[in-house]
Amino acid sequence: MKPPRIYTIPFAGVYPLYVSKVENKGRTQGELDEVVCWLTGYKKSDLEDHIKRGTILERFISSAPKMNPNRSLIAGVICGMRVENIEDPITREIRYMDKLVDELAKGKPLDKILRKES
């Protein structure tokens, strides 16, 4: 069976789109990196390494050092699907990342995006 197309997209292909999306809305690449690192457990230098190596999204997610346990608090619609209802675990993790980028671009406060206690 062929893997979902989203699995084979390089992280280096989506990262510049994420940067553009958040910067066009007045947010920073640093904030984006913080959000992606919060979700995956990677360091900023790890993100740069994955970009240079052309790591596909499936490998980027499956080799993440420590997916944040609070990611299960991420809810809402992305690409017409409720993220919390996506059954495929890798696709769900990728869509969590997409949802966090959307929240950042929409101006949501960083402490809310990172699901920190108020």
C-alpha atoms as a PDB file:
ATOM      1  CA  MET A   1       0.000   0.000   0.000  1.00  0.00           C
ATOM      2  CA  LYS A   2       1.306   3.423  -0.944  1.00  0.00           C
ATOM      3  CA  PRO A   3       1.957   5.847   1.947  1.00  0.00           C
ATOM      4  CA  PRO A   4      -0.129   9.011   2.108  1.00  0.00           C
ATOM      5  CA  ARG A   5       1.313  11.779  -0.058  1.00  0.00           C
ATOM      6  CA  ILE A   6       1.794  14.020   2.974  1.00  0.00           C
ATOM      7  CA  TYR A   7       4.370  11.535   4.334  1.00  0.00           C
ATOM      8  CA  THR A   8       6.714  12.103   1.412  1.00  0.00           C
ATOM      9  CA  ILE A   9       6.776  15.903   1.434  1.00  0.00           C
ATOM     10  CA  PRO A  10      10.168  17.188   2.622  1.00  0.00           C
ATOM     11  CA  PHE A  11      10.167  19.290   5.784  1.00  0.00           C
ATOM     12  CA  ALA A  12      12.360  21.687   3.779  1.00  0.00           C
ATOM     13  CA  GLY A  13       9.408  22.104   1.408  1.00  0.00           C
ATOM     14  CA  VAL A  14       6.866  23.131   4.041  1.00  0.00           C
ATOM     15  CA  TYR A  15       9.104  25.057   6.430  1.00  0.00           C
ATOM     16  CA  PRO A  16       9.550  28.105   4.119  1.00  0.00           C
ATOM     17  CA  LEU A  17       5.772  28.132   3.601  1.00  0.00           C
ATOM     18  CA  TYR A  18       5.281  28.155   7.372  1.00  0.00           C
ATOM     19  CA  VAL A  19       7.812  31.003   7.722  1.00  0.00           C
ATOM     20  CA  SER A  20       6.107  33.030   5.000  1.00  0.00           C
ATOM     21  CA  LYS A  21       2.666  32.430   6.484  1.00  0.00           C
ATOM     22  CA  VAL A  22       3.590  33.577   9.981  1.00  0.00           C
ATOM     23  CA  GLU A  23       5.786  36.490   8.873  1.00  0.00           C
ATOM     24  CA  ASN A  24       3.035  37.798   6.593  1.00  0.00           C
ATOM     25  CA  LYS A  25       0.854  37.995   9.695  1.00  0.00           C
ATOM     26  CA  GLY A  26       3.435  39.830  11.805  1.00  0.00           C
ATOM     27  CA  ARG A  27       4.889  36.869  13.680  1.00  0.00           C
ATOM     28  CA  THR A  28       8.526  35.754  13.617  1.00  0.00           C
ATOM     29  CA  GLN A  29      10.524  32.772  12.450  1.00  0.00           C
ATOM     30  CA  GLY A  30      11.773  32.479  16.027  1.00  0.00           C
ATOM     31  CA  GLU A  31       8.220  32.048  17.267  1.00  0.00           C
ATOM     32  CA  LEU A  32       7.601  29.455  14.569  1.00  0.00           C
ATOM     33  CA  ASP A  33      10.709  27.542  15.600  1.00  0.00           C
ATOM     34  CA  GLU A  34       9.611  27.668  19.228  1.00  0.00           C
ATOM     35  CA  VAL A  35       6.233  26.188  18.306  1.00  0.00           C
ATOM     36  CA  VAL A  36       7.710  23.395  16.147  1.00  0.00           C
ATOM     37  CA  CYS A  37      10.328  22.599  18.805  1.00  0.00           C
ATOM     38  CA  TRP A  38       7.630  22.554  21.520  1.00  0.00           C
ATOM     39  CA  LEU A  39       5.640  20.011  19.523  1.00  0.00           C
ATOM     40  CA  THR A  40       8.504  17.733  18.492  1.00  0.00           C
ATOM     41  CA  GLY A  41      11.240  18.108  21.103  1.00  0.00           C
ATOM     42  CA  TYR A  42      13.772  19.134  18.468  1.00  0.00           C
ATOM     43  CA  LYS A  43      16.262  21.965  19.025  1.00  0.00           C
ATOM     44  CA  LYS A  44      16.567  24.820  16.508  1.00  0.00           C
ATOM     45  CA  SER A  45      19.807  23.282  15.207  1.00  0.00           C
ATOM     46  CA  ASP A  46      17.924  20.008  14.608  1.00  0.00           C
ATOM     47  CA  LEU A  47      15.352  21.839  12.460  1.00  0.00           C
ATOM     48  CA  GLU A  48      18.151  23.321  10.358  1.00  0.00           C
ATOM     49  CA  ASP A  49      19.732  19.886   9.990  1.00  0.00           C
ATOM     50  CA  HIS A  50      16.457  18.314   8.818  1.00  0.00           C
ATOM     51  CA  ILE A  51      16.020  21.125   6.296  1.00  0.00           C
ATOM     52  CA  LYS A  52      19.546  20.595   4.927  1.00  0.00           C
ATOM     53  CA  ARG A  53      19.091  16.816   4.724  1.00  0.00           C
ATOM     54  CA  GLY A  54      15.696  17.012   3.026  1.00  0.00           C
ATOM     55  CA  THR A  55      13.993  14.865   5.661  1.00  0.00           C
ATOM     56  CA  ILE A  56      10.470  13.853   4.641  1.00  0.00           C
ATOM     57  CA  LEU A  57       7.619  14.689   7.024  1.00  0.00           C
ATOM     58  CA  GLU A  58       7.056  11.068   8.026  1.00  0.00           C
ATOM     59  CA  ARG A  59      10.673  10.724   9.169  1.00  0.00           C
ATOM     60  CA  PHE A  60      10.687  14.216  10.711  1.00  0.00           C
ATOM     61  CA  ILE A  61       7.745  13.249  12.921  1.00  0.00           C
ATOM     62  CA  SER A  62       8.632   9.611  13.601  1.00  0.00           C
ATOM     63  CA  SER A  63      12.206  10.490  14.651  1.00  0.00           C
ATOM     64  CA  ALA A  64      11.199  13.427  16.860  1.00  0.00           C
ATOM     65  CA  PRO A  65      13.020  13.226  20.198  1.00  0.00           C
ATOM     66  CA  LYS A  66       9.909  13.714  22.340  1.00  0.00           C
ATOM     67  CA  MET A  67       6.502  14.681  21.087  1.00  0.00           C
ATOM     68  CA  ASN A  68       4.943  17.024  23.611  1.00  0.00           C
ATOM     69  CA  PRO A  69       2.357  15.219  25.762  1.00  0.00           C
ATOM     70  CA  ASN A  70       0.124  18.327  25.715  1.00  0.00           C
ATOM     71  CA  ARG A  71      -0.310  18.038  21.946  1.00  0.00           C
ATOM     72  CA  SER A  72      -3.485  16.075  22.616  1.00  0.00           C
ATOM     73  CA  LEU A  73      -4.979  19.409  23.720  1.00  0.00           C
ATOM     74  CA  ILE A  74      -4.712  20.698  20.147  1.00  0.00           C
ATOM     75  CA  ALA A  75      -8.166  20.719  18.598  1.00  0.00           C
ATOM     76  CA  GLY A  76      -9.891  22.243  15.644  1.00  0.00           C
ATOM     77  CA  VAL A  77     -10.158  22.028  11.897  1.00  0.00           C
ATOM     78  CA  ILE A  78      -7.208  21.948   9.526  1.00  0.00           C
ATOM     79  CA  CYS A  79      -7.513  21.079   5.845  1.00  0.00           C
ATOM     80  CA  GLY A  80     -11.201  20.383   6.404  1.00  0.00           C
ATOM     81  CA  MET A  81     -10.557  17.748   9.075  1.00  0.00           C
ATOM     82  CA  ARG A  82     -10.802  17.875  12.851  1.00  0.00           C
ATOM     83  CA  VAL A  83      -7.251  17.141  13.997  1.00  0.00           C
ATOM     84  CA  GLU A  84      -8.391  15.319  17.084  1.00  0.00           C
ATOM     85  CA  ASN A  85     -10.333  12.825  14.904  1.00  0.00           C
ATOM     86  CA  ILE A  86      -7.527  11.902  12.492  1.00  0.00           C
ATOM     87  CA  GLU A  87      -6.883   8.197  12.978  1.00  0.00           C
ATOM     88  CA  ASP A  88      -3.500   7.820  11.274  1.00  0.00           C
ATOM     89  CA  PRO A  89      -0.962   8.798  13.966  1.00  0.00           C
ATOM     90  CA  ILE A  90       1.692  10.300  11.659  1.00  0.00           C
ATOM     91  CA  THR A  91      -0.875  12.301   9.691  1.00  0.00           C
ATOM     92  CA  ARG A  92      -2.379  13.529  12.974  1.00  0.00           C
ATOM     93  CA  GLU A  93       1.045  14.703  14.217  1.00  0.00           C
ATOM     94  CA  ILE A  94       1.706  16.526  10.926  1.00  0.00           C
ATOM     95  CA  ARG A  95      -1.698  18.184  11.117  1.00  0.00           C
ATOM     96  CA  TYR A  96      -1.041  19.174  14.738  1.00  0.00           C
ATOM     97  CA  MET A  97       1.992  21.051  13.426  1.00  0.00           C
ATOM     98  CA  ASP A  98      -0.124  22.675  10.704  1.00  0.00           C
ATOM     99  CA  LYS A  99      -2.724  23.695  13.287  1.00  0.00           C
ATOM    100  CA  LEU A 100      -0.102  25.282  15.542  1.00  0.00           C
ATOM    101  CA  VAL A 101       1.263  27.271  12.595  1.00  0.00           C
ATOM    102  CA  ASP A 102      -2.275  28.448  11.798  1.00  0.00           C
ATOM    103  CA  GLU A 103      -2.815  29.533  15.400  1.00  0.00           C
ATOM    104  CA  LEU A 104       0.469  31.457  15.331  1.00  0.00           C
ATOM    105  CA  ALA A 105      -0.448  33.147  12.048  1.00  0.00           C
ATOM    106  CA  LYS A 106      -3.877  34.088  13.394  1.00  0.00           C
ATOM    107  CA  GLY A 107      -2.266  35.983  16.262  1.00  0.00           C
ATOM    108  CA  LYS A 108      -3.014  33.622  19.112  1.00  0.00           C
ATOM    109  CA  PRO A 109      -0.716  34.335  22.105  1.00  0.00           C
ATOM    110  CA  LEU A 110       2.296  32.022  22.291  1.00  0.00           C
ATOM    111  CA  ASP A 111       1.473  30.803  25.806  1.00  0.00           C
ATOM    112  CA  LYS A 112      -1.955  29.669  24.545  1.00  0.00           C
ATOM    113  CA  ILE A 113      -0.467  27.964  21.464  1.00  0.00           C
ATOM    114  CA  LEU A 114       1.974  26.093  23.703  1.00  0.00           C
ATOM    115  CA  ARG A 115      -0.907  25.064  25.954  1.00  0.00           C
ATOM    116  CA  LYS A 116       0.736  26.602  29.037  1.00  0.00           C
ATOM    117  CA  GLU A 117      -1.185  26.999  32.257  1.00  0.00           C
ATOM    118  CA  SER A 118      -2.470  30.540  32.818  1.00  0.00           C
END
